[in-house]
Amino acid sequence: MTASHPVRPAFVPESGAGTVVELGDLAAALDGWRPRLVASDLDGTLLSSAGEVSPRTRAAIDACRAVGIPFVGVTGRGPRLLDSVRAAMGGTGIAVLAQGGYVVDFGDGGRTEVLRTVGMSNEDATAVIGAIEAAAGELVVAVEDAAEQSEALRPLRVQHGFDWPYPEPAHLLPRHEVLPVGAVLKVFLRSPRLGEDELLRLARGVVDPAVAELTHAGLGFIEVLPPGVTKATGLAVALDHHGLGFGDVLVFGDMPNDLPMIRAVTAAGGRSVAMANAHPEVLAAAADRTSGSDADGVARYVEAVLALGSAGV
């Protein structure tokens, strides 16, 4: 991480972030399987609660790459935070942003190539917000602007009263001006009465997945995405780029937005790992558990796997 590209602070649950988990006999658990690609969520997983990639974690990322194992960052952060993601990734490799809706290849320090960009129309976004409000009551709205490269770097469009948690520039707007005329990358919905788990449950009961994908990242609000946009479909773009499949992946996550990629990797025979500070649904879905994000959980697990050597050794 460099001072010119700071990683913004993460908002992770205090409980479990500093917990150290003993990994046990990984050789027996993996039974000869070894990763050909490592994928990790950022906030609450790869990054500490101070929003930093620790020296130990940076060394683990470098160690993967040194033996030919790509390291892919998979985050909910939108393209307006591209510099912070580039810094977390050490300025190289593929990163999946916006819950899978925006995928980039940082290359080796050269020009960033956009591999995937997906948007949702104003009409669809308006209809989805209306359907969720009919079930959950009035909501406060923020919008990530269109997935077009020229627009995706614009500041977030935030309704007055949303209480956006990140210290970044934003357009504070009245509700009727929050949605732009054109396409949006994603919509954030906050309820003054309901937590994100309850709001997500209600929203999924009234929104057809063919119209929009819904998730949350543990920040107090839910996210509305174009249909089919998940961390799994975003990660698939990176896997196609490397000629690999989900069964080749070692994946780390902590929140419900990580569940699609955790489930895809698990179903294909890869290895999924939940952080000690993970959401209960993630802890239940992942095959294994590692230390918390403030205890270098990703690094500890990667170090142990790399120490086992190649498959069959």
C-alpha atoms as a PDB file:
ATOM      1  CA  MET A   1       0.000   0.000   0.000  1.00  0.00           C
ATOM      2  CA  THR A   2       1.270   3.462  -0.845  1.00  0.00           C
ATOM      3  CA  ALA A   3       0.400   6.792   0.679  1.00  0.00           C
ATOM      4  CA  SER A   4      -0.843   8.020  -2.715  1.00  0.00           C
ATOM      5  CA  HIS A   5      -3.415   5.213  -2.945  1.00  0.00           C
ATOM      6  CA  PRO A   6      -4.798   4.744   0.589  1.00  0.00           C
ATOM      7  CA  VAL A   7      -7.155   1.883   1.274  1.00  0.00           C
ATOM      8  CA  ARG A   8     -10.289   3.237   2.848  1.00  0.00           C
ATOM      9  CA  PRO A   9     -11.176   1.968   6.328  1.00  0.00           C
ATOM     10  CA  ALA A  10     -13.263  -1.176   6.478  1.00  0.00           C
ATOM     11  CA  PHE A  11     -16.351  -1.561   8.606  1.00  0.00           C
ATOM     12  CA  VAL A  12     -16.121  -5.038  10.078  1.00  0.00           C
ATOM     13  CA  PRO A  13     -17.784  -6.563  13.122  1.00  0.00           C
ATOM     14  CA  GLU A  14     -15.634  -6.188  16.225  1.00  0.00           C
ATOM     15  CA  SER A  15     -16.561  -9.690  17.349  1.00  0.00           C
ATOM     16  CA  GLY A  16     -14.088 -12.220  15.982  1.00  0.00           C
ATOM     17  CA  ALA A  17     -11.853  -9.874  13.980  1.00  0.00           C
ATOM     18  CA  GLY A  18      -8.933 -10.494  16.317  1.00  0.00           C
ATOM     19  CA  THR A  19      -9.657 -14.178  16.952  1.00  0.00           C
ATOM     20  CA  VAL A  20      -6.918 -16.691  16.149  1.00  0.00           C
ATOM     21  CA  VAL A  21      -8.141 -20.046  14.813  1.00  0.00           C
ATOM     22  CA  GLU A  22      -5.980 -23.152  14.865  1.00  0.00           C
ATOM     23  CA  LEU A  23      -6.064 -24.693  11.391  1.00  0.00           C
ATOM     24  CA  GLY A  24      -5.475 -28.299  12.382  1.00  0.00           C
ATOM     25  CA  ASP A  25      -4.317 -30.920   9.893  1.00  0.00           C
ATOM     26  CA  LEU A  26      -4.799 -29.154   6.563  1.00  0.00           C
ATOM     27  CA  ALA A  27      -2.954 -31.869   4.667  1.00  0.00           C
ATOM     28  CA  ALA A  28      -5.588 -34.393   5.708  1.00  0.00           C
ATOM     29  CA  ALA A  29      -8.461 -31.962   5.134  1.00  0.00           C
ATOM     30  CA  LEU A  30      -7.304 -31.044   1.625  1.00  0.00           C
ATOM     31  CA  ASP A  31      -6.439 -34.656   0.752  1.00  0.00           C
ATOM     32  CA  GLY A  32      -4.010 -33.746  -2.024  1.00  0.00           C
ATOM     33  CA  TRP A  33      -6.059 -30.840  -3.418  1.00  0.00           C
ATOM     34  CA  ARG A  34      -4.147 -27.588  -3.978  1.00  0.00           C
ATOM     35  CA  PRO A  35      -5.401 -24.230  -5.263  1.00  0.00           C
ATOM     36  CA  ARG A  36      -4.562 -22.922  -8.703  1.00  0.00           C
ATOM     37  CA  LEU A  37      -6.071 -19.519  -7.876  1.00  0.00           C
ATOM     38  CA  VAL A  38      -6.806 -17.686  -4.611  1.00  0.00           C
ATOM     39  CA  ALA A  39      -9.770 -15.313  -4.402  1.00  0.00           C
ATOM     40  CA  SER A  40     -10.506 -13.091  -1.431  1.00  0.00           C
ATOM     41  CA  ASP A  41     -13.048 -10.537  -0.361  1.00  0.00           C
ATOM     42  CA  LEU A  42     -11.436  -7.290   0.823  1.00  0.00           C
ATOM     43  CA  ASP A  43     -13.271  -5.538   3.675  1.00  0.00           C
ATOM     44  CA  GLY A  44     -13.528  -7.711   6.753  1.00  0.00           C
ATOM     45  CA  THR A  45     -11.436 -10.423   5.099  1.00  0.00           C
ATOM     46  CA  LEU A  46      -8.168  -9.441   3.421  1.00  0.00           C
ATOM     47  CA  LEU A  47      -8.057  -5.974   5.006  1.00  0.00           C
ATOM     48  CA  SER A  48      -7.755  -5.222   8.698  1.00  0.00           C
ATOM     49  CA  SER A  49     -10.385  -3.128  10.460  1.00  0.00           C
ATOM     50  CA  ALA A  50      -8.071  -0.164   9.825  1.00  0.00           C
ATOM     51  CA  GLY A  51      -8.509  -0.788   6.089  1.00  0.00           C
ATOM     52  CA  GLU A  52      -4.929  -1.961   5.628  1.00  0.00           C
ATOM     53  CA  VAL A  53      -3.190  -4.899   3.989  1.00  0.00           C
ATOM     54  CA  SER A  54      -0.770  -6.006   6.706  1.00  0.00           C
ATOM     55  CA  PRO A  55       2.862  -6.827   5.857  1.00  0.00           C
ATOM     56  CA  ARG A  56       2.138 -10.507   6.563  1.00  0.00           C
ATOM     57  CA  THR A  57      -0.850 -10.522   4.243  1.00  0.00           C
ATOM     58  CA  ARG A  58       1.075  -8.687   1.526  1.00  0.00           C
ATOM     59  CA  ALA A  59       3.826 -11.310   1.805  1.00  0.00           C
ATOM     60  CA  ALA A  60       1.252 -14.108   1.452  1.00  0.00           C
ATOM     61  CA  ILE A  61      -0.190 -12.514  -1.702  1.00  0.00           C
ATOM     62  CA  ASP A  62       3.309 -12.167  -3.142  1.00  0.00           C
ATOM     63  CA  ALA A  63       4.125 -15.782  -2.207  1.00  0.00           C
ATOM     64  CA  CYS A  64       1.102 -17.027  -4.168  1.00  0.00           C
ATOM     65  CA  ARG A  65       2.083 -15.066  -7.233  1.00  0.00           C
ATOM     66  CA  ALA A  66       5.708 -16.194  -6.929  1.00  0.00           C
ATOM     67  CA  VAL A  67       4.663 -19.833  -7.393  1.00  0.00           C
ATOM     68  CA  GLY A  68       2.270 -19.042 -10.256  1.00  0.00           C
ATOM     69  CA  ILE A  69      -1.002 -18.857  -8.287  1.00  0.00           C
ATOM     70  CA  PRO A  70      -3.036 -15.769  -9.287  1.00  0.00           C
ATOM     71  CA  PHE A  71      -4.512 -13.774  -6.396  1.00  0.00           C
ATOM     72  CA  VAL A  72      -7.864 -12.144  -7.203  1.00  0.00           C
ATOM     73  CA  GLY A  73      -9.592  -9.515  -5.089  1.00  0.00           C
ATOM     74  CA  VAL A  74     -13.402  -9.782  -5.060  1.00  0.00           C
ATOM     75  CA  THR A  75     -15.170  -6.829  -3.471  1.00  0.00           C
ATOM     76  CA  GLY A  76     -18.403  -4.911  -3.255  1.00  0.00           C
ATOM     77  CA  ARG A  77     -16.501  -1.651  -3.690  1.00  0.00           C
ATOM     78  CA  GLY A  78     -17.499   0.184  -6.830  1.00  0.00           C
ATOM     79  CA  PRO A  79     -15.222   1.534  -9.563  1.00  0.00           C
ATOM     80  CA  ARG A  80     -15.157   4.966  -7.959  1.00  0.00           C
ATOM     81  CA  LEU A  81     -12.917   3.252  -5.349  1.00  0.00           C
ATOM     82  CA  LEU A  82     -10.696   1.690  -7.999  1.00  0.00           C
ATOM     83  CA  ASP A  83      -7.490   3.222  -6.631  1.00  0.00           C
ATOM     84  CA  SER A  84      -8.075   1.731  -3.178  1.00  0.00           C
ATOM     85  CA  VAL A  85      -8.653  -1.702  -4.708  1.00  0.00           C
ATOM     86  CA  ARG A  86      -5.551  -1.373  -6.883  1.00  0.00           C
ATOM     87  CA  ALA A  87      -3.541  -0.538  -3.755  1.00  0.00           C
ATOM     88  CA  ALA A  88      -4.902  -3.549  -1.875  1.00  0.00           C
ATOM     89  CA  MET A  89      -3.972  -5.803  -4.795  1.00  0.00           C
ATOM     90  CA  GLY A  90      -0.447  -4.443  -5.015  1.00  0.00           C
ATOM     91  CA  GLY A  91      -1.159  -2.767  -8.349  1.00  0.00           C
ATOM     92  CA  THR A  92      -1.427  -5.963 -10.375  1.00  0.00           C
ATOM     93  CA  GLY A  93      -3.763  -8.840 -11.224  1.00  0.00           C
ATOM     94  CA  ILE A  94      -7.521  -9.094 -11.732  1.00  0.00           C
ATOM     95  CA  ALA A  95     -10.044  -7.529  -9.357  1.00  0.00           C
ATOM     96  CA  VAL A  96     -13.792  -8.086  -9.226  1.00  0.00           C
ATOM     97  CA  LEU A  97     -15.660  -4.968  -8.048  1.00  0.00           C
ATOM     98  CA  ALA A  98     -19.284  -3.941  -7.475  1.00  0.00           C
ATOM     99  CA  GLN A  99     -20.292  -7.445  -6.308  1.00  0.00           C
ATOM    100  CA  GLY A 100     -19.289  -8.805  -9.727  1.00  0.00           C
ATOM    101  CA  GLY A 101     -20.649  -6.078 -11.971  1.00  0.00           C
ATOM    102  CA  TYR A 102     -17.294  -4.497 -12.782  1.00  0.00           C
ATOM    103  CA  VAL A 103     -14.180  -6.616 -13.416  1.00  0.00           C
ATOM    104  CA  VAL A 104     -10.772  -5.185 -14.240  1.00  0.00           C
ATOM    105  CA  ASP A 105      -7.275  -6.417 -15.012  1.00  0.00           C
ATOM    106  CA  PHE A 106      -4.606  -4.174 -13.513  1.00  0.00           C
ATOM    107  CA  GLY A 107      -1.980  -5.972 -15.568  1.00  0.00           C
ATOM    108  CA  ASP A 108       1.544  -5.446 -14.284  1.00  0.00           C
ATOM    109  CA  GLY A 109       1.306  -1.780 -13.455  1.00  0.00           C
ATOM    110  CA  GLY A 110       0.250  -0.650 -16.911  1.00  0.00           C
ATOM    111  CA  ARG A 111      -3.125   0.357 -18.303  1.00  0.00           C
ATOM    112  CA  THR A 112      -6.177  -1.046 -16.505  1.00  0.00           C
ATOM    113  CA  GLU A 113      -8.365  -3.165 -18.790  1.00  0.00           C
ATOM    114  CA  VAL A 114     -12.094  -3.434 -18.074  1.00  0.00           C
ATOM    115  CA  LEU A 115     -13.197  -7.058 -18.528  1.00  0.00           C
ATOM    116  CA  ARG A 116     -16.842  -6.744 -17.482  1.00  0.00           C
ATOM    117  CA  THR A 117     -19.285  -3.923 -16.877  1.00  0.00           C
ATOM    118  CA  VAL A 118     -23.008  -4.377 -16.256  1.00  0.00           C
ATOM    119  CA  GLY A 119     -25.746  -1.807 -15.651  1.00  0.00           C
ATOM    120  CA  MET A 120     -29.426  -1.619 -14.690  1.00  0.00           C
ATOM    121  CA  SER A 121     -31.925   0.716 -16.335  1.00  0.00           C
ATOM    122  CA  ASN A 122     -33.554   3.570 -14.453  1.00  0.00           C
ATOM    123  CA  GLU A 123     -36.935   1.956 -15.078  1.00  0.00           C
ATOM    124  CA  ASP A 124     -35.956  -1.401 -13.563  1.00  0.00           C
ATOM    125  CA  ALA A 125     -34.257   0.231 -10.587  1.00  0.00           C
ATOM    126  CA  THR A 126     -37.316   2.403  -9.914  1.00  0.00           C
ATOM    127  CA  ALA A 127     -39.640  -0.621 -10.075  1.00  0.00           C
ATOM    128  CA  VAL A 128     -37.478  -2.670  -7.703  1.00  0.00           C
ATOM    129  CA  ILE A 129     -37.235   0.148  -5.158  1.00  0.00           C
ATOM    130  CA  GLY A 130     -41.017   0.566  -5.285  1.00  0.00           C
ATOM    131  CA  ALA A 131     -41.649  -3.142  -4.753  1.00  0.00           C
ATOM    132  CA  ILE A 132     -39.321  -3.293  -1.749  1.00  0.00           C
ATOM    133  CA  GLU A 133     -40.789  -0.145  -0.187  1.00  0.00           C
ATOM    134  CA  ALA A 134     -44.267  -1.632  -0.530  1.00  0.00           C
ATOM    135  CA  ALA A 135     -43.103  -4.500   1.708  1.00  0.00           C
ATOM    136  CA  ALA A 136     -40.668  -2.756   4.036  1.00  0.00           C
ATOM    137  CA  GLY A 137     -41.842   0.854   4.241  1.00  0.00           C
ATOM    138  CA  GLU A 138     -40.057   4.005   3.140  1.00  0.00           C
ATOM    139  CA  LEU A 139     -36.341   3.598   2.454  1.00  0.00           C
ATOM    140  CA  VAL A 140     -33.365   5.918   2.026  1.00  0.00           C
ATOM    141  CA  VAL A 141     -31.523   5.516  -1.278  1.00  0.00           C
ATOM    142  CA  ALA A 142     -28.015   5.843  -2.675  1.00  0.00           C
ATOM    143  CA  VAL A 143     -26.893   5.000  -6.202  1.00  0.00           C
ATOM    144  CA  GLU A 144     -23.660   3.882  -7.840  1.00  0.00           C
ATOM    145  CA  ASP A 145     -23.685   5.546 -11.255  1.00  0.00           C
ATOM    146  CA  ALA A 146     -23.743   3.750 -14.586  1.00  0.00           C
ATOM    147  CA  ALA A 147     -21.226   1.058 -15.444  1.00  0.00           C
ATOM    148  CA  GLU A 148     -19.897   3.011 -18.400  1.00  0.00           C
ATOM    149  CA  GLN A 149     -16.235   3.814 -17.765  1.00  0.00           C
ATOM    150  CA  SER A 150     -16.774   7.560 -18.209  1.00  0.00           C
ATOM    151  CA  GLU A 151     -19.537   7.564 -15.582  1.00  0.00           C
ATOM    152  CA  ALA A 152     -18.456   4.824 -13.189  1.00  0.00           C
ATOM    153  CA  LEU A 153     -15.830   7.017 -11.546  1.00  0.00           C
ATOM    154  CA  ARG A 154     -18.346   9.671 -10.560  1.00  0.00           C
ATOM    155  CA  PRO A 155     -19.077  10.248  -6.851  1.00  0.00           C
ATOM    156  CA  LEU A 156     -21.882   8.280  -5.249  1.00  0.00           C
ATOM    157  CA  ARG A 157     -25.375   9.779  -5.525  1.00  0.00           C
ATOM    158  CA  VAL A 158     -26.735   9.812  -1.958  1.00  0.00           C
ATOM    159  CA  GLN A 159     -30.146  10.820  -0.644  1.00  0.00           C
ATOM    160  CA  HIS A 160     -30.058  13.205   2.299  1.00  0.00           C
ATOM    161  CA  GLY A 161     -30.203  11.141   5.489  1.00  0.00           C
ATOM    162  CA  PHE A 162     -28.654   7.949   4.096  1.00  0.00           C
ATOM    163  CA  ASP A 163     -25.672   8.091   6.513  1.00  0.00           C
ATOM    164  CA  TRP A 164     -23.090   6.723   4.059  1.00  0.00           C
ATOM    165  CA  PRO A 165     -20.308   5.057   6.136  1.00  0.00           C
ATOM    166  CA  TYR A 166     -17.257   5.838   3.976  1.00  0.00           C
ATOM    167  CA  PRO A 167     -15.424   9.207   4.074  1.00  0.00           C
ATOM    168  CA  GLU A 168     -15.547   9.947   0.361  1.00  0.00           C
ATOM    169  CA  PRO A 169     -16.970  12.657  -1.910  1.00  0.00           C
ATOM    170  CA  ALA A 170     -20.677  12.192  -2.637  1.00  0.00           C
ATOM    171  CA  HIS A 171     -23.506  14.076  -4.298  1.00  0.00           C
ATOM    172  CA  LEU A 172     -26.118  14.711  -1.580  1.00  0.00           C
ATOM    173  CA  LEU A 173     -29.475  14.908  -3.327  1.00  0.00           C
ATOM    174  CA  PRO A 174     -33.214  14.955  -2.614  1.00  0.00           C
ATOM    175  CA  ARG A 175     -34.901  11.585  -3.196  1.00  0.00           C
ATOM    176  CA  HIS A 176     -36.407  12.447  -6.589  1.00  0.00           C
ATOM    177  CA  GLU A 177     -32.939  13.312  -7.960  1.00  0.00           C
ATOM    178  CA  VAL A 178     -30.952  10.332  -6.639  1.00  0.00           C
ATOM    179  CA  LEU A 179     -31.610   8.013  -9.578  1.00  0.00           C
ATOM    180  CA  PRO A 180     -29.906   9.303 -12.750  1.00  0.00           C
ATOM    181  CA  VAL A 181     -31.730   9.324 -16.066  1.00  0.00           C
ATOM    182  CA  GLY A 182     -29.454   6.631 -17.458  1.00  0.00           C
ATOM    183  CA  ALA A 183     -28.291   3.250 -16.197  1.00  0.00           C
ATOM    184  CA  VAL A 184     -26.989   2.526 -12.707  1.00  0.00           C
ATOM    185  CA  LEU A 185     -24.394   0.042 -11.533  1.00  0.00           C
ATOM    186  CA  LYS A 186     -26.198  -0.670  -8.260  1.00  0.00           C
ATOM    187  CA  VAL A 187     -28.613   0.803  -5.733  1.00  0.00           C
ATOM    188  CA  PHE A 188     -28.198   0.907  -1.943  1.00  0.00           C
ATOM    189  CA  LEU A 189     -31.299   0.825   0.258  1.00  0.00           C
ATOM    190  CA  ARG A 190     -31.324   1.644   3.969  1.00  0.00           C
ATOM    191  CA  SER A 191     -34.323   1.256   6.290  1.00  0.00           C
ATOM    192  CA  PRO A 192     -34.729   3.454   9.375  1.00  0.00           C
ATOM    193  CA  ARG A 193     -36.471   0.517  11.090  1.00  0.00           C
ATOM    194  CA  LEU A 194     -34.991  -2.743   9.782  1.00  0.00           C
ATOM    195  CA  GLY A 195     -31.516  -4.248   9.868  1.00  0.00           C
ATOM    196  CA  GLU A 196     -29.913  -5.501   6.679  1.00  0.00           C
ATOM    197  CA  ASP A 197     -30.761  -9.176   7.280  1.00  0.00           C
ATOM    198  CA  GLU A 198     -34.473  -8.497   7.764  1.00  0.00           C
ATOM    199  CA  LEU A 199     -34.620  -5.992   4.913  1.00  0.00           C
ATOM    200  CA  LEU A 200     -32.891  -8.464   2.587  1.00  0.00           C
ATOM    201  CA  ARG A 201     -35.335 -11.216   3.555  1.00  0.00           C
ATOM    202  CA  LEU A 202     -38.340  -8.998   2.826  1.00  0.00           C
ATOM    203  CA  ALA A 203     -36.848  -7.720  -0.433  1.00  0.00           C
ATOM    204  CA  ARG A 204     -36.147 -11.207  -1.749  1.00  0.00           C
ATOM    205  CA  GLY A 205     -39.762 -12.077  -1.092  1.00  0.00           C
ATOM    206  CA  VAL A 206     -41.005  -9.443  -3.532  1.00  0.00           C
ATOM    207  CA  VAL A 207     -38.251  -9.103  -6.169  1.00  0.00           C
ATOM    208  CA  ASP A 208     -37.855 -11.651  -8.958  1.00  0.00           C
ATOM    209  CA  PRO A 209     -34.176 -12.681  -9.366  1.00  0.00           C
ATOM    210  CA  ALA A 210     -34.731 -12.354 -13.104  1.00  0.00           C
ATOM    211  CA  VAL A 211     -35.211  -8.609 -12.538  1.00  0.00           C
ATOM    212  CA  ALA A 212     -32.529  -7.865  -9.918  1.00  0.00           C
ATOM    213  CA  GLU A 213     -29.976  -9.525  -7.648  1.00  0.00           C
ATOM    214  CA  LEU A 214     -30.116  -8.569  -3.966  1.00  0.00           C
ATOM    215  CA  THR A 215     -27.454  -8.860  -1.282  1.00  0.00           C
ATOM    216  CA  HIS A 216     -25.783  -7.094   1.623  1.00  0.00           C
ATOM    217  CA  ALA A 217     -22.230  -6.635   2.891  1.00  0.00           C
ATOM    218  CA  GLY A 218     -22.914  -6.052   6.571  1.00  0.00           C
ATOM    219  CA  LEU A 219     -22.947  -2.265   6.388  1.00  0.00           C
ATOM    220  CA  GLY A 220     -26.531  -1.647   7.478  1.00  0.00           C
ATOM    221  CA  PHE A 221     -28.125  -1.523   4.032  1.00  0.00           C
ATOM    222  CA  ILE A 222     -28.895  -3.865   1.143  1.00  0.00           C
ATOM    223  CA  GLU A 223     -27.735  -3.640  -2.472  1.00  0.00           C
ATOM    224  CA  VAL A 224     -29.783  -3.977  -5.655  1.00  0.00           C
ATOM    225  CA  LEU A 225     -27.781  -5.225  -8.639  1.00  0.00           C
ATOM    226  CA  PRO A 226     -28.519  -6.151 -12.252  1.00  0.00           C
ATOM    227  CA  PRO A 227     -29.865  -9.715 -12.614  1.00  0.00           C
ATOM    228  CA  GLY A 228     -27.165 -12.373 -12.541  1.00  0.00           C
ATOM    229  CA  VAL A 229     -24.559 -10.070 -11.012  1.00  0.00           C
ATOM    230  CA  THR A 230     -22.895 -11.780  -8.054  1.00  0.00           C
ATOM    231  CA  LYS A 231     -19.371 -12.309  -6.822  1.00  0.00           C
ATOM    232  CA  ALA A 232     -19.587 -15.784  -8.374  1.00  0.00           C
ATOM    233  CA  THR A 233     -20.336 -14.503 -11.884  1.00  0.00           C
ATOM    234  CA  GLY A 234     -17.692 -11.816 -11.485  1.00  0.00           C
ATOM    235  CA  LEU A 235     -15.127 -14.343 -10.322  1.00  0.00           C
ATOM    236  CA  ALA A 236     -16.047 -16.508 -13.314  1.00  0.00           C
ATOM    237  CA  VAL A 237     -14.719 -13.734 -15.571  1.00  0.00           C
ATOM    238  CA  ALA A 238     -11.346 -13.919 -13.812  1.00  0.00           C
ATOM    239  CA  LEU A 239     -11.354 -17.715 -14.007  1.00  0.00           C
ATOM    240  CA  ASP A 240     -12.090 -17.658 -17.740  1.00  0.00           C
ATOM    241  CA  HIS A 241      -9.197 -15.239 -18.182  1.00  0.00           C
ATOM    242  CA  HIS A 242      -6.857 -17.735 -16.498  1.00  0.00           C
ATOM    243  CA  GLY A 243      -8.405 -20.850 -18.062  1.00  0.00           C
ATOM    244  CA  LEU A 244      -9.485 -22.221 -14.671  1.00  0.00           C
ATOM    245  CA  GLY A 245     -12.697 -23.368 -12.969  1.00  0.00           C
ATOM    246  CA  PHE A 246     -14.328 -22.906  -9.561  1.00  0.00           C
ATOM    247  CA  GLY A 247     -12.894 -26.236  -8.458  1.00  0.00           C
ATOM    248  CA  ASP A 248      -9.401 -24.721  -8.714  1.00  0.00           C
ATOM    249  CA  VAL A 249     -10.152 -21.908  -6.251  1.00  0.00           C
ATOM    250  CA  LEU A 250      -9.301 -21.255  -2.615  1.00  0.00           C
ATOM    251  CA  VAL A 251     -11.778 -18.553  -1.588  1.00  0.00           C
ATOM    252  CA  PHE A 252     -12.154 -16.372   1.527  1.00  0.00           C
ATOM    253  CA  GLY A 253     -15.145 -14.318   2.651  1.00  0.00           C
ATOM    254  CA  ASP A 254     -17.104 -12.928   5.579  1.00  0.00           C
ATOM    255  CA  MET A 255     -20.497 -11.537   4.521  1.00  0.00           C
ATOM    256  CA  PRO A 256     -23.650 -12.648   2.651  1.00  0.00           C
ATOM    257  CA  ASN A 257     -22.429 -10.955  -0.536  1.00  0.00           C
ATOM    258  CA  ASP A 258     -19.621 -13.557  -0.512  1.00  0.00           C
ATOM    259  CA  LEU A 259     -22.028 -16.514  -0.398  1.00  0.00           C
ATOM    260  CA  PRO A 260     -22.489 -16.955  -4.182  1.00  0.00           C
ATOM    261  CA  MET A 261     -18.765 -17.436  -4.777  1.00  0.00           C
ATOM    262  CA  ILE A 262     -18.333 -19.536  -1.628  1.00  0.00           C
ATOM    263  CA  ARG A 263     -21.141 -21.842  -2.718  1.00  0.00           C
ATOM    264  CA  ALA A 264     -19.894 -22.028  -6.320  1.00  0.00           C
ATOM    265  CA  VAL A 265     -16.390 -22.964  -5.188  1.00  0.00           C
ATOM    266  CA  THR A 266     -17.651 -25.511  -2.667  1.00  0.00           C
ATOM    267  CA  ALA A 267     -20.000 -27.156  -5.173  1.00  0.00           C
ATOM    268  CA  ALA A 268     -17.181 -27.498  -7.719  1.00  0.00           C
ATOM    269  CA  GLY A 269     -14.755 -29.129  -5.266  1.00  0.00           C
ATOM    270  CA  GLY A 270     -12.644 -26.075  -4.441  1.00  0.00           C
ATOM    271  CA  ARG A 271     -11.949 -24.846  -0.920  1.00  0.00           C
ATOM    272  CA  SER A 272     -14.047 -22.172   0.804  1.00  0.00           C
ATOM    273  CA  VAL A 273     -12.932 -20.496   4.025  1.00  0.00           C
ATOM    274  CA  ALA A 274     -14.883 -18.190   6.355  1.00  0.00           C
ATOM    275  CA  MET A 275     -13.215 -15.604   8.553  1.00  0.00           C
ATOM    276  CA  ALA A 276     -13.638 -15.907  12.322  1.00  0.00           C
ATOM    277  CA  ASN A 277     -15.550 -12.596  12.148  1.00  0.00           C
ATOM    278  CA  ALA A 278     -17.894 -13.853   9.408  1.00  0.00           C
ATOM    279  CA  HIS A 279     -21.685 -13.614   9.264  1.00  0.00           C
ATOM    280  CA  PRO A 280     -23.412 -16.789  10.579  1.00  0.00           C
ATOM    281  CA  GLU A 281     -24.598 -17.740   7.077  1.00  0.00           C
ATOM    282  CA  VAL A 282     -21.036 -17.606   5.775  1.00  0.00           C
ATOM    283  CA  LEU A 283     -19.721 -19.650   8.690  1.00  0.00           C
ATOM    284  CA  ALA A 284     -22.378 -22.271   7.895  1.00  0.00           C
ATOM    285  CA  ALA A 285     -21.677 -22.334   4.151  1.00  0.00           C
ATOM    286  CA  ALA A 286     -17.870 -22.432   4.109  1.00  0.00           C
ATOM    287  CA  ALA A 287     -15.934 -25.679   4.398  1.00  0.00           C
ATOM    288  CA  ASP A 288     -13.351 -24.260   6.785  1.00  0.00           C
ATOM    289  CA  ARG A 289     -12.632 -21.351   9.101  1.00  0.00           C
ATOM    290  CA  THR A 290      -9.581 -19.172   9.612  1.00  0.00           C
ATOM    291  CA  SER A 291      -8.516 -16.417  11.992  1.00  0.00           C
ATOM    292  CA  GLY A 292     -10.164 -13.004  11.915  1.00  0.00           C
ATOM    293  CA  SER A 293      -9.297 -10.142   9.612  1.00  0.00           C
ATOM    294  CA  ASP A 294      -7.273  -8.390  12.330  1.00  0.00           C
ATOM    295  CA  ALA A 295      -5.297 -11.597  12.955  1.00  0.00           C
ATOM    296  CA  ASP A 296      -4.112 -12.098   9.359  1.00  0.00           C
ATOM    297  CA  GLY A 297      -6.596 -14.908   8.777  1.00  0.00           C
ATOM    298  CA  VAL A 298      -6.128 -15.045   5.007  1.00  0.00           C
ATOM    299  CA  ALA A 299      -2.346 -14.979   5.324  1.00  0.00           C
ATOM    300  CA  ARG A 300      -2.303 -17.713   7.974  1.00  0.00           C
ATOM    301  CA  TYR A 301      -4.358 -20.052   5.800  1.00  0.00           C
ATOM    302  CA  VAL A 302      -2.464 -19.299   2.587  1.00  0.00           C
ATOM    303  CA  GLU A 303       0.883 -19.809   4.340  1.00  0.00           C
ATOM    304  CA  ALA A 304      -0.255 -23.205   5.611  1.00  0.00           C
ATOM    305  CA  VAL A 305      -1.477 -24.304   2.180  1.00  0.00           C
ATOM    306  CA  LEU A 306       1.679 -23.170   0.408  1.00  0.00           C
ATOM    307  CA  ALA A 307       3.771 -25.007   2.996  1.00  0.00           C
ATOM    308  CA  LEU A 308       2.132 -28.256   1.859  1.00  0.00           C
ATOM    309  CA  GLY A 309       3.710 -27.910  -1.571  1.00  0.00           C
ATOM    310  CA  SER A 310       2.173 -28.979  -4.883  1.00  0.00           C
ATOM    311  CA  ALA A 311      -0.719 -31.404  -5.252  1.00  0.00           C
ATOM    312  CA  GLY A 312       0.208 -34.949  -4.395  1.00  0.00           C
ATOM    313  CA  VAL A 313       3.377 -33.900  -2.507  1.00  0.00           C
END
